[in-house]
PDB file of all heavy atoms in Angstrom:
ATOM      1  N   SER A   1      -9.214  31.851 -28.743  1.00  0.00           N
ATOM      2  CA  SER A   1      -8.364  32.329 -29.818  1.00  0.00           C
ATOM      3  C   SER A   1      -8.535  31.442 -31.035  1.00  0.00           C
ATOM      4  O   SER A   1      -8.537  30.231 -30.924  1.00  0.00           O
ATOM      5  CB  SER A   1      -6.908  32.297 -29.381  1.00  0.00           C
ATOM      6  OG  SER A   1      -6.531  30.986 -29.066  1.00  0.00           O
ATOM      7  N   SER A   2      -8.729  32.059 -32.180  1.00  0.00           N
ATOM      8  CA  SER A   2      -8.814  31.261 -33.390  1.00  0.00           C
ATOM      9  C   SER A   2      -7.404  31.038 -33.896  1.00  0.00           C
ATOM     10  O   SER A   2      -6.587  31.932 -33.900  1.00  0.00           O
ATOM     11  CB  SER A   2      -9.639  31.976 -34.450  1.00  0.00           C
ATOM     12  OG  SER A   2      -8.954  33.127 -34.890  1.00  0.00           O
ATOM     13  N   GLY A   3      -7.144  29.801 -34.301  1.00  0.00           N
ATOM     14  CA  GLY A   3      -5.798  29.481 -34.764  1.00  0.00           C
ATOM     15  C   GLY A   3      -5.766  27.985 -34.921  1.00  0.00           C
ATOM     16  O   GLY A   3      -6.522  27.282 -34.259  1.00  0.00           O
ATOM     17  N   SER A   4      -4.940  27.467 -35.798  1.00  0.00           N
ATOM     18  CA  SER A   4      -4.939  26.039 -36.045  1.00  0.00           C
ATOM     19  C   SER A   4      -4.417  25.313 -34.818  1.00  0.00           C
ATOM     20  O   SER A   4      -3.449  25.726 -34.197  1.00  0.00           O
ATOM     21  CB  SER A   4      -4.059  25.711 -37.244  1.00  0.00           C
ATOM     22  OG  SER A   4      -2.725  26.016 -36.946  1.00  0.00           O
ATOM     23  N   SER A   5      -5.094  24.235 -34.458  1.00  0.00           N
ATOM     24  CA  SER A   5      -4.687  23.467 -33.290  1.00  0.00           C
ATOM     25  C   SER A   5      -3.548  22.522 -33.641  1.00  0.00           C
ATOM     26  O   SER A   5      -3.022  21.815 -32.808  1.00  0.00           O
ATOM     27  CB  SER A   5      -5.860  22.648 -32.749  1.00  0.00           C
ATOM     28  OG  SER A   5      -6.335  21.780 -33.745  1.00  0.00           O
ATOM     29  N   GLY A   6      -3.200  22.476 -34.928  1.00  0.00           N
ATOM     30  CA  GLY A   6      -2.101  21.625 -35.336  1.00  0.00           C
ATOM     31  C   GLY A   6      -2.497  20.173 -35.490  1.00  0.00           C
ATOM     32  O   GLY A   6      -1.658  19.303 -35.618  1.00  0.00           O
ATOM     33  N   LYS A   7      -3.801  19.898 -35.439  1.00  0.00           N
ATOM     34  CA  LYS A   7      -4.236  18.518 -35.644  1.00  0.00           C
ATOM     35  C   LYS A   7      -4.320  18.237 -37.140  1.00  0.00           C
ATOM     36  O   LYS A   7      -4.700  19.098 -37.910  1.00  0.00           O
ATOM     37  CB  LYS A   7      -5.619  18.306 -35.008  1.00  0.00           C
ATOM     38  CG  LYS A   7      -5.549  18.190 -33.498  1.00  0.00           C
ATOM     39  CD  LYS A   7      -6.479  17.090 -33.008  1.00  0.00           C
ATOM     40  CE  LYS A   7      -6.264  16.864 -31.509  1.00  0.00           C
ATOM     41  NZ  LYS A   7      -6.487  18.103 -30.741  1.00  0.00           N
ATOM     42  N   PRO A   8      -3.960  17.011 -37.531  1.00  0.00           N
ATOM     43  CA  PRO A   8      -4.055  16.682 -38.949  1.00  0.00           C
ATOM     44  C   PRO A   8      -5.498  16.752 -39.439  1.00  0.00           C
ATOM     45  O   PRO A   8      -6.410  16.436 -38.678  1.00  0.00           O
ATOM     46  CB  PRO A   8      -3.524  15.247 -39.027  1.00  0.00           C
ATOM     47  CG  PRO A   8      -3.386  14.767 -37.638  1.00  0.00           C
ATOM     48  CD  PRO A   8      -3.443  15.931 -36.716  1.00  0.00           C
ATOM     49  N   ILE A   9      -5.671  17.158 -40.657  1.00  0.00           N
ATOM     50  CA  ILE A   9      -7.010  17.227 -41.226  1.00  0.00           C
ATOM     51  C   ILE A   9      -7.490  15.813 -41.529  1.00  0.00           C
ATOM     52  O   ILE A   9      -6.757  15.016 -42.110  1.00  0.00           O
ATOM     53  CB  ILE A   9      -7.030  18.044 -42.533  1.00  0.00           C
ATOM     54  CG1 ILE A   9      -6.325  19.388 -42.329  1.00  0.00           C
ATOM     55  CG2 ILE A   9      -8.451  18.239 -43.035  1.00  0.00           C
ATOM     56  CD1 ILE A   9      -7.069  20.372 -41.491  1.00  0.00           C
ATOM     57  N   PHE A  10      -8.719  15.519 -41.148  1.00  0.00           N
ATOM     58  CA  PHE A  10      -9.252  14.186 -41.376  1.00  0.00           C
ATOM     59  C   PHE A  10     -10.053  14.169 -42.671  1.00  0.00           C
ATOM     60  O   PHE A  10     -10.990  14.931 -42.841  1.00  0.00           O
ATOM     61  CB  PHE A  10     -10.153  13.775 -40.211  1.00  0.00           C
ATOM     62  CG  PHE A  10     -10.839  12.453 -40.411  1.00  0.00           C
ATOM     63  CD1 PHE A  10     -10.119  11.271 -40.365  1.00  0.00           C
ATOM     64  CD2 PHE A  10     -12.203  12.400 -40.664  1.00  0.00           C
ATOM     65  CE1 PHE A  10     -10.741  10.054 -40.549  1.00  0.00           C
ATOM     66  CE2 PHE A  10     -12.838  11.182 -40.848  1.00  0.00           C
ATOM     67  CZ  PHE A  10     -12.103  10.007 -40.787  1.00  0.00           C
ATOM     68  N   THR A  11      -9.662  13.308 -43.586  1.00  0.00           N
ATOM     69  CA  THR A  11     -10.418  13.125 -44.815  1.00  0.00           C
ATOM     70  C   THR A  11     -10.657  11.643 -45.015  1.00  0.00           C
ATOM     71  O   THR A  11     -10.103  10.817 -44.299  1.00  0.00           O
ATOM     72  CB  THR A  11      -9.657  13.662 -46.044  1.00  0.00           C
ATOM     73  OG1 THR A  11      -8.495  12.842 -46.242  1.00  0.00           O
ATOM     74  CG2 THR A  11      -9.234  15.106 -45.852  1.00  0.00           C
ATOM     75  N   ASP A  12     -11.484  11.313 -45.987  1.00  0.00           N
ATOM     76  CA  ASP A  12     -11.756   9.914 -46.271  1.00  0.00           C
ATOM     77  C   ASP A  12     -10.503   9.170 -46.716  1.00  0.00           C
ATOM     78  O   ASP A  12     -10.418   7.953 -46.635  1.00  0.00           O
ATOM     79  CB  ASP A  12     -12.825   9.792 -47.373  1.00  0.00           C
ATOM     80  CG  ASP A  12     -14.211  10.107 -46.814  1.00  0.00           C
ATOM     81  OD1 ASP A  12     -14.360  10.091 -45.576  1.00  0.00           O
ATOM     82  OD2 ASP A  12     -15.124  10.365 -47.602  1.00  0.00           O
ATOM     83  N   GLU A  13      -9.537   9.944 -47.225  1.00  0.00           N
ATOM     84  CA  GLU A  13      -8.320   9.320 -47.732  1.00  0.00           C
ATOM     85  C   GLU A  13      -7.247   9.157 -46.651  1.00  0.00           C
ATOM     86  O   GLU A  13      -6.260   8.468 -46.860  1.00  0.00           O
ATOM     87  CB  GLU A  13      -7.742  10.159 -48.884  1.00  0.00           C
ATOM     88  CG  GLU A  13      -8.663  10.262 -50.092  1.00  0.00           C
ATOM     89  CD  GLU A  13      -8.905   8.902 -50.729  1.00  0.00           C
ATOM     90  OE1 GLU A  13      -7.938   8.157 -50.961  1.00  0.00           O
ATOM     91  OE2 GLU A  13     -10.085   8.580 -50.987  1.00  0.00           O
ATOM     92  N   SER A  14      -7.461   9.809 -45.512  1.00  0.00           N
ATOM     93  CA  SER A  14      -6.429   9.814 -44.479  1.00  0.00           C
ATOM     94  C   SER A  14      -6.009   8.407 -44.073  1.00  0.00           C
ATOM     95  O   SER A  14      -4.823   8.111 -43.950  1.00  0.00           O
ATOM     96  CB  SER A  14      -6.918  10.560 -43.240  1.00  0.00           C
ATOM     97  OG  SER A  14      -7.134  11.914 -43.524  1.00  0.00           O
ATOM     98  N   TYR A  15      -6.996   7.544 -43.870  1.00  0.00           N
ATOM     99  CA  TYR A  15      -6.667   6.202 -43.407  1.00  0.00           C
ATOM    100  C   TYR A  15      -5.929   5.420 -44.493  1.00  0.00           C
ATOM    101  O   TYR A  15      -5.084   4.576 -44.191  1.00  0.00           O
ATOM    102  CB  TYR A  15      -7.922   5.458 -42.941  1.00  0.00           C
ATOM    103  CG  TYR A  15      -8.752   4.865 -44.060  1.00  0.00           C
ATOM    104  CD1 TYR A  15      -8.611   3.511 -44.400  1.00  0.00           C
ATOM    105  CD2 TYR A  15      -9.666   5.631 -44.772  1.00  0.00           C
ATOM    106  CE1 TYR A  15      -9.359   2.953 -45.424  1.00  0.00           C
ATOM    107  CE2 TYR A  15     -10.417   5.087 -45.797  1.00  0.00           C
ATOM    108  CZ  TYR A  15     -10.261   3.751 -46.112  1.00  0.00           C
ATOM    109  OH  TYR A  15     -10.997   3.199 -47.132  1.00  0.00           O
ATOM    110  N   LEU A  16      -6.248   5.729 -45.764  1.00  0.00           N
ATOM    111  CA  LEU A  16      -5.569   5.050 -46.864  1.00  0.00           C
ATOM    112  C   LEU A  16      -4.095   5.446 -46.936  1.00  0.00           C
ATOM    113  O   LEU A  16      -3.228   4.611 -47.176  1.00  0.00           O
ATOM    114  CB  LEU A  16      -6.247   5.365 -48.198  1.00  0.00           C
ATOM    115  CG  LEU A  16      -7.459   4.499 -48.547  1.00  0.00           C
ATOM    116  CD1 LEU A  16      -8.060   4.940 -49.878  1.00  0.00           C
ATOM    117  CD2 LEU A  16      -7.092   3.028 -48.605  1.00  0.00           C
ATOM    118  N   GLU A  17      -3.843   6.720 -46.708  1.00  0.00           N
ATOM    119  CA  GLU A  17      -2.456   7.187 -46.701  1.00  0.00           C
ATOM    120  C   GLU A  17      -1.664   6.450 -45.627  1.00  0.00           C
ATOM    121  O   GLU A  17      -0.549   5.991 -45.850  1.00  0.00           O
ATOM    122  CB  GLU A  17      -2.398   8.689 -46.425  1.00  0.00           C
ATOM    123  CG  GLU A  17      -2.791   9.535 -47.623  1.00  0.00           C
ATOM    124  CD  GLU A  17      -2.981  10.999 -47.242  1.00  0.00           C
ATOM    125  OE1 GLU A  17      -2.299  11.462 -46.303  1.00  0.00           O
ATOM    126  OE2 GLU A  17      -3.808  11.669 -47.876  1.00  0.00           O
ATOM    127  N   LEU A  18      -2.283   6.341 -44.456  1.00  0.00           N
ATOM    128  CA  LEU A  18      -1.643   5.651 -43.347  1.00  0.00           C
ATOM    129  C   LEU A  18      -1.469   4.166 -43.681  1.00  0.00           C
ATOM    130  O   LEU A  18      -0.416   3.580 -43.445  1.00  0.00           O
ATOM    131  CB  LEU A  18      -2.497   5.810 -42.084  1.00  0.00           C
ATOM    132  CG  LEU A  18      -1.940   5.204 -40.798  1.00  0.00           C
ATOM    133  CD1 LEU A  18      -0.567   5.769 -40.462  1.00  0.00           C
ATOM    134  CD2 LEU A  18      -2.901   5.468 -39.641  1.00  0.00           C
ATOM    135  N   TYR A  19      -2.496   3.593 -44.275  1.00  0.00           N
ATOM    136  CA  TYR A  19      -2.471   2.177 -44.637  1.00  0.00           C
ATOM    137  C   TYR A  19      -1.335   1.870 -45.605  1.00  0.00           C
ATOM    138  O   TYR A  19      -0.623   0.888 -45.458  1.00  0.00           O
ATOM    139  CB  TYR A  19      -3.823   1.782 -45.245  1.00  0.00           C
ATOM    140  CG  TYR A  19      -3.832   0.428 -45.934  1.00  0.00           C
ATOM    141  CD1 TYR A  19      -3.507  -0.729 -45.227  1.00  0.00           C
ATOM    142  CD2 TYR A  19      -4.186   0.312 -47.273  1.00  0.00           C
ATOM    143  CE1 TYR A  19      -3.526  -1.973 -45.856  1.00  0.00           C
ATOM    144  CE2 TYR A  19      -4.211  -0.926 -47.906  1.00  0.00           C
ATOM    145  CZ  TYR A  19      -3.879  -2.059 -47.195  1.00  0.00           C
ATOM    146  OH  TYR A  19      -3.906  -3.279 -47.817  1.00  0.00           O
ATOM    147  N   ARG A  20      -1.157   2.736 -46.591  1.00  0.00           N
ATOM    148  CA  ARG A  20      -0.123   2.500 -47.605  1.00  0.00           C
ATOM    149  C   ARG A  20       1.281   2.567 -47.012  1.00  0.00           C
ATOM    150  O   ARG A  20       2.201   1.949 -47.519  1.00  0.00           O
ATOM    151  CB  ARG A  20      -0.244   3.528 -48.743  1.00  0.00           C
ATOM    152  CG  ARG A  20      -1.471   3.292 -49.588  1.00  0.00           C
ATOM    153  CD  ARG A  20      -1.422   4.129 -50.858  1.00  0.00           C
ATOM    154  NE  ARG A  20      -2.706   4.082 -51.548  1.00  0.00           N
ATOM    155  CZ  ARG A  20      -3.574   5.088 -51.589  1.00  0.00           C
ATOM    156  NH1 ARG A  20      -3.297   6.223 -50.974  1.00  0.00           N
ATOM    157  NH2 ARG A  20      -4.708   4.970 -52.241  1.00  0.00           N
ATOM    158  N   LYS A  21       1.424   3.346 -45.946  1.00  0.00           N
ATOM    159  CA  LYS A  21       2.729   3.451 -45.301  1.00  0.00           C
ATOM    160  C   LYS A  21       3.089   2.176 -44.534  1.00  0.00           C
ATOM    161  O   LYS A  21       4.249   1.947 -44.232  1.00  0.00           O
ATOM    162  CB  LYS A  21       2.734   4.620 -44.298  1.00  0.00           C
ATOM    163  CG  LYS A  21       2.834   5.984 -44.951  1.00  0.00           C
ATOM    164  CD  LYS A  21       2.857   7.051 -43.867  1.00  0.00           C
ATOM    165  CE  LYS A  21       2.512   8.425 -44.434  1.00  0.00           C
ATOM    166  NZ  LYS A  21       1.994   9.342 -43.404  1.00  0.00           N
ATOM    167  N   GLN A  22       2.068   1.376 -44.216  1.00  0.00           N
ATOM    168  CA  GLN A  22       2.289   0.260 -43.301  1.00  0.00           C
ATOM    169  C   GLN A  22       2.914  -0.972 -43.941  1.00  0.00           C
ATOM    170  O   GLN A  22       3.339  -1.877 -43.259  1.00  0.00           O
ATOM    171  CB  GLN A  22       0.972  -0.157 -42.625  1.00  0.00           C
ATOM    172  CG  GLN A  22       0.289   0.950 -41.858  1.00  0.00           C
ATOM    173  CD  GLN A  22       1.174   1.526 -40.777  1.00  0.00           C
ATOM    174  OE1 GLN A  22       1.911   0.813 -40.117  1.00  0.00           O
ATOM    175  NE2 GLN A  22       1.095   2.842 -40.595  1.00  0.00           N
ATOM    176  N   LYS A  23       2.928  -1.040 -45.260  1.00  0.00           N
ATOM    177  CA  LYS A  23       3.474  -2.203 -45.961  1.00  0.00           C
ATOM    178  C   LYS A  23       2.771  -3.497 -45.555  1.00  0.00           C
ATOM    179  O   LYS A  23       3.366  -4.558 -45.502  1.00  0.00           O
ATOM    180  CB  LYS A  23       4.990  -2.345 -45.665  1.00  0.00           C
ATOM    181  CG  LYS A  23       5.803  -1.124 -46.013  1.00  0.00           C
ATOM    182  CD  LYS A  23       6.107  -1.073 -47.510  1.00  0.00           C
ATOM    183  CE  LYS A  23       6.981   0.121 -47.829  1.00  0.00           C
ATOM    184  NZ  LYS A  23       6.229   1.392 -47.743  1.00  0.00           N
ATOM    185  N   LYS A  24       1.508  -3.369 -45.217  1.00  0.00           N
ATOM    186  CA  LYS A  24       0.737  -4.564 -44.886  1.00  0.00           C
ATOM    187  C   LYS A  24      -0.418  -4.666 -45.863  1.00  0.00           C
ATOM    188  O   LYS A  24      -0.904  -3.675 -46.367  1.00  0.00           O
ATOM    189  CB  LYS A  24       0.184  -4.484 -43.458  1.00  0.00           C
ATOM    190  CG  LYS A  24       1.225  -4.726 -42.392  1.00  0.00           C
ATOM    191  CD  LYS A  24       0.556  -4.723 -41.028  1.00  0.00           C
ATOM    192  CE  LYS A  24       1.564  -4.761 -39.888  1.00  0.00           C
ATOM    193  NZ  LYS A  24       2.216  -6.065 -39.738  1.00  0.00           N
ATOM    194  N   HIS A  25      -0.856  -5.897 -46.102  1.00  0.00           N
ATOM    195  CA  HIS A  25      -2.003  -6.074 -46.985  1.00  0.00           C
ATOM    196  C   HIS A  25      -3.181  -6.578 -46.165  1.00  0.00           C
ATOM    197  O   HIS A  25      -3.175  -7.706 -45.689  1.00  0.00           O
ATOM    198  CB  HIS A  25      -1.664  -7.056 -48.117  1.00  0.00           C
ATOM    199  CG  HIS A  25      -0.641  -6.501 -49.054  1.00  0.00           C
ATOM    200  ND1 HIS A  25      -0.926  -5.522 -49.995  1.00  0.00           N
ATOM    201  CD2 HIS A  25       0.678  -6.760 -49.188  1.00  0.00           C
ATOM    202  CE1 HIS A  25       0.179  -5.219 -50.663  1.00  0.00           C
ATOM    203  NE2 HIS A  25       1.165  -5.956 -50.190  1.00  0.00           N
ATOM    204  N   LEU A  26      -4.171  -5.735 -46.012  1.00  0.00           N
ATOM    205  CA  LEU A  26      -5.354  -6.098 -45.250  1.00  0.00           C
ATOM    206  C   LEU A  26      -6.463  -6.508 -46.209  1.00  0.00           C
ATOM    207  O   LEU A  26      -6.569  -5.983 -47.307  1.00  0.00           O
ATOM    208  CB  LEU A  26      -5.831  -4.909 -44.407  1.00  0.00           C
ATOM    209  CG  LEU A  26      -4.800  -4.297 -43.446  1.00  0.00           C
ATOM    210  CD1 LEU A  26      -5.439  -3.163 -42.651  1.00  0.00           C
ATOM    211  CD2 LEU A  26      -4.224  -5.325 -42.504  1.00  0.00           C
ATOM    212  N   ASN A  27      -7.294  -7.439 -45.765  1.00  0.00           N
ATOM    213  CA  ASN A  27      -8.456  -7.784 -46.576  1.00  0.00           C
ATOM    214  C   ASN A  27      -9.582  -6.787 -46.311  1.00  0.00           C
ATOM    215  O   ASN A  27      -9.428  -5.856 -45.524  1.00  0.00           O
ATOM    216  CB  ASN A  27      -8.897  -9.232 -46.323  1.00  0.00           C
ATOM    217  CG  ASN A  27      -9.338  -9.461 -44.889  1.00  0.00           C
ATOM    218  OD1 ASN A  27      -9.895  -8.577 -44.241  1.00  0.00           O
ATOM    219  ND2 ASN A  27      -9.111 -10.644 -44.381  1.00  0.00           N
ATOM    220  N   THR A  28     -10.704  -6.989 -46.966  1.00  0.00           N
ATOM    221  CA  THR A  28     -11.807  -6.035 -46.855  1.00  0.00           C
ATOM    222  C   THR A  28     -12.214  -5.788 -45.410  1.00  0.00           C
ATOM    223  O   THR A  28     -12.394  -4.653 -44.984  1.00  0.00           O
ATOM    224  CB  THR A  28     -13.064  -6.561 -47.587  1.00  0.00           C
ATOM    225  OG1 THR A  28     -12.657  -7.289 -48.730  1.00  0.00           O
ATOM    226  CG2 THR A  28     -13.961  -5.410 -47.987  1.00  0.00           C
ATOM    227  N   GLN A  29     -12.386  -6.868 -44.666  1.00  0.00           N
ATOM    228  CA  GLN A  29     -12.834  -6.743 -43.282  1.00  0.00           C
ATOM    229  C   GLN A  29     -11.816  -5.994 -42.431  1.00  0.00           C
ATOM    230  O   GLN A  29     -12.165  -5.121 -41.644  1.00  0.00           O
ATOM    231  CB  GLN A  29     -13.092  -8.137 -42.698  1.00  0.00           C
ATOM    232  CG  GLN A  29     -14.235  -8.855 -43.389  1.00  0.00           C
ATOM    233  CD  GLN A  29     -14.502 -10.225 -42.779  1.00  0.00           C
ATOM    234  OE1 GLN A  29     -13.711 -10.743 -42.008  1.00  0.00           O
ATOM    235  NE2 GLN A  29     -15.632 -10.815 -43.145  1.00  0.00           N
ATOM    236  N   GLN A  30     -10.551  -6.335 -42.627  1.00  0.00           N
ATOM    237  CA  GLN A  30      -9.499  -5.692 -41.851  1.00  0.00           C
ATOM    238  C   GLN A  30      -9.389  -4.210 -42.192  1.00  0.00           C
ATOM    239  O   GLN A  30      -9.221  -3.371 -41.309  1.00  0.00           O
ATOM    240  CB  GLN A  30      -8.162  -6.393 -42.110  1.00  0.00           C
ATOM    241  CG  GLN A  30      -8.124  -7.808 -41.553  1.00  0.00           C
ATOM    242  CD  GLN A  30      -6.896  -8.565 -42.014  1.00  0.00           C
ATOM    243  OE1 GLN A  30      -6.499  -8.464 -43.173  1.00  0.00           O
ATOM    244  NE2 GLN A  30      -6.281  -9.327 -41.130  1.00  0.00           N
ATOM    245  N   LEU A  31      -9.498  -3.918 -43.482  1.00  0.00           N
ATOM    246  CA  LEU A  31      -9.377  -2.535 -43.916  1.00  0.00           C
ATOM    247  C   LEU A  31     -10.577  -1.716 -43.435  1.00  0.00           C
ATOM    248  O   LEU A  31     -10.446  -0.550 -43.069  1.00  0.00           O
ATOM    249  CB  LEU A  31      -9.264  -2.459 -45.444  1.00  0.00           C
ATOM    250  CG  LEU A  31      -8.745  -1.130 -45.997  1.00  0.00           C
ATOM    251  CD1 LEU A  31      -7.349  -0.812 -45.454  1.00  0.00           C
ATOM    252  CD2 LEU A  31      -8.720  -1.147 -47.512  1.00  0.00           C
ATOM    253  N   THR A  32     -11.748  -2.341 -43.430  1.00  0.00           N
ATOM    254  CA  THR A  32     -12.942  -1.673 -42.914  1.00  0.00           C
ATOM    255  C   THR A  32     -12.776  -1.365 -41.428  1.00  0.00           C
ATOM    256  O   THR A  32     -13.078  -0.269 -40.967  1.00  0.00           O
ATOM    257  CB  THR A  32     -14.191  -2.544 -43.120  1.00  0.00           C
ATOM    258  OG1 THR A  32     -14.357  -2.806 -44.517  1.00  0.00           O
ATOM    259  CG2 THR A  32     -15.446  -1.838 -42.602  1.00  0.00           C
ATOM    260  N   ALA A  33     -12.267  -2.338 -40.695  1.00  0.00           N
ATOM    261  CA  ALA A  33     -12.018  -2.142 -39.264  1.00  0.00           C
ATOM    262  C   ALA A  33     -11.029  -0.996 -39.058  1.00  0.00           C
ATOM    263  O   ALA A  33     -11.216  -0.144 -38.194  1.00  0.00           O
ATOM    264  CB  ALA A  33     -11.480  -3.427 -38.646  1.00  0.00           C
ATOM    265  N   PHE A  34      -9.988  -0.992 -39.889  1.00  0.00           N
ATOM    266  CA  PHE A  34      -8.970   0.052 -39.824  1.00  0.00           C
ATOM    267  C   PHE A  34      -9.595   1.423 -40.062  1.00  0.00           C
ATOM    268  O   PHE A  34      -9.334   2.379 -39.337  1.00  0.00           O
ATOM    269  CB  PHE A  34      -7.890  -0.247 -40.868  1.00  0.00           C
ATOM    270  CG  PHE A  34      -6.692   0.672 -40.808  1.00  0.00           C
ATOM    271  CD1 PHE A  34      -5.848   0.657 -39.706  1.00  0.00           C
ATOM    272  CD2 PHE A  34      -6.405   1.523 -41.853  1.00  0.00           C
ATOM    273  CE1 PHE A  34      -4.733   1.496 -39.651  1.00  0.00           C
ATOM    274  CE2 PHE A  34      -5.301   2.355 -41.812  1.00  0.00           C
ATOM    275  CZ  PHE A  34      -4.469   2.344 -40.707  1.00  0.00           C
ATOM    276  N   GLN A  35     -10.461   1.489 -41.066  1.00  0.00           N
ATOM    277  CA  GLN A  35     -11.130   2.741 -41.400  1.00  0.00           C
ATOM    278  C   GLN A  35     -12.039   3.205 -40.262  1.00  0.00           C
ATOM    279  O   GLN A  35     -12.055   4.379 -39.892  1.00  0.00           O
ATOM    280  CB  GLN A  35     -11.944   2.563 -42.679  1.00  0.00           C
ATOM    281  CG  GLN A  35     -12.627   3.834 -43.156  1.00  0.00           C
ATOM    282  CD  GLN A  35     -13.449   3.615 -44.408  1.00  0.00           C
ATOM    283  OE1 GLN A  35     -13.549   2.496 -44.911  1.00  0.00           O
ATOM    284  NE2 GLN A  35     -14.032   4.666 -44.930  1.00  0.00           N
ATOM    285  N   LEU A  36     -12.801   2.279 -39.704  1.00  0.00           N
ATOM    286  CA  LEU A  36     -13.720   2.601 -38.619  1.00  0.00           C
ATOM    287  C   LEU A  36     -12.968   3.046 -37.365  1.00  0.00           C
ATOM    288  O   LEU A  36     -13.358   3.999 -36.691  1.00  0.00           O
ATOM    289  CB  LEU A  36     -14.604   1.397 -38.298  1.00  0.00           C
ATOM    290  CG  LEU A  36     -15.636   1.024 -39.357  1.00  0.00           C
ATOM    291  CD1 LEU A  36     -16.285  -0.330 -39.042  1.00  0.00           C
ATOM    292  CD2 LEU A  36     -16.705   2.097 -39.489  1.00  0.00           C
ATOM    293  N   LEU A  37     -11.881   2.341 -37.065  1.00  0.00           N
ATOM    294  CA  LEU A  37     -11.066   2.703 -35.905  1.00  0.00           C
ATOM    295  C   LEU A  37     -10.415   4.067 -36.104  1.00  0.00           C
ATOM    296  O   LEU A  37     -10.308   4.852 -35.169  1.00  0.00           O
ATOM    297  CB  LEU A  37      -9.986   1.646 -35.663  1.00  0.00           C
ATOM    298  CG  LEU A  37     -10.466   0.304 -35.100  1.00  0.00           C
ATOM    299  CD1 LEU A  37      -9.357  -0.734 -35.170  1.00  0.00           C
ATOM    300  CD2 LEU A  37     -10.976   0.450 -33.684  1.00  0.00           C
ATOM    301  N   PHE A  38     -10.008   4.315 -37.334  1.00  0.00           N
ATOM    302  CA  PHE A  38      -9.381   5.594 -37.668  1.00  0.00           C
ATOM    303  C   PHE A  38     -10.359   6.740 -37.416  1.00  0.00           C
ATOM    304  O   PHE A  38     -10.017   7.756 -36.807  1.00  0.00           O
ATOM    305  CB  PHE A  38      -8.939   5.575 -39.136  1.00  0.00           C
ATOM    306  CG  PHE A  38      -8.021   6.714 -39.522  1.00  0.00           C
ATOM    307  CD1 PHE A  38      -6.648   6.531 -39.535  1.00  0.00           C
ATOM    308  CD2 PHE A  38      -8.538   7.952 -39.880  1.00  0.00           C
ATOM    309  CE1 PHE A  38      -5.798   7.582 -39.885  1.00  0.00           C
ATOM    310  CE2 PHE A  38      -7.691   8.999 -40.228  1.00  0.00           C
ATOM    311  CZ  PHE A  38      -6.315   8.807 -40.232  1.00  0.00           C
ATOM    312  N   ALA A  39     -11.593   6.547 -37.875  1.00  0.00           N
ATOM    313  CA  ALA A  39     -12.625   7.575 -37.692  1.00  0.00           C
ATOM    314  C   ALA A  39     -12.965   7.745 -36.211  1.00  0.00           C
ATOM    315  O   ALA A  39     -13.150   8.862 -35.726  1.00  0.00           O
ATOM    316  CB  ALA A  39     -13.879   7.207 -38.485  1.00  0.00           C
TER     317      ALA A  39
END
């Protein structure tokens, strides 16, 4: 059956949206890790 599975759409910005909600400041390496783990 075709129909939305209800999963959030993944975009390059998705991890940034999540990151901004966290109130944490990550450095480049940490943010890269976050992005890679997110993907």
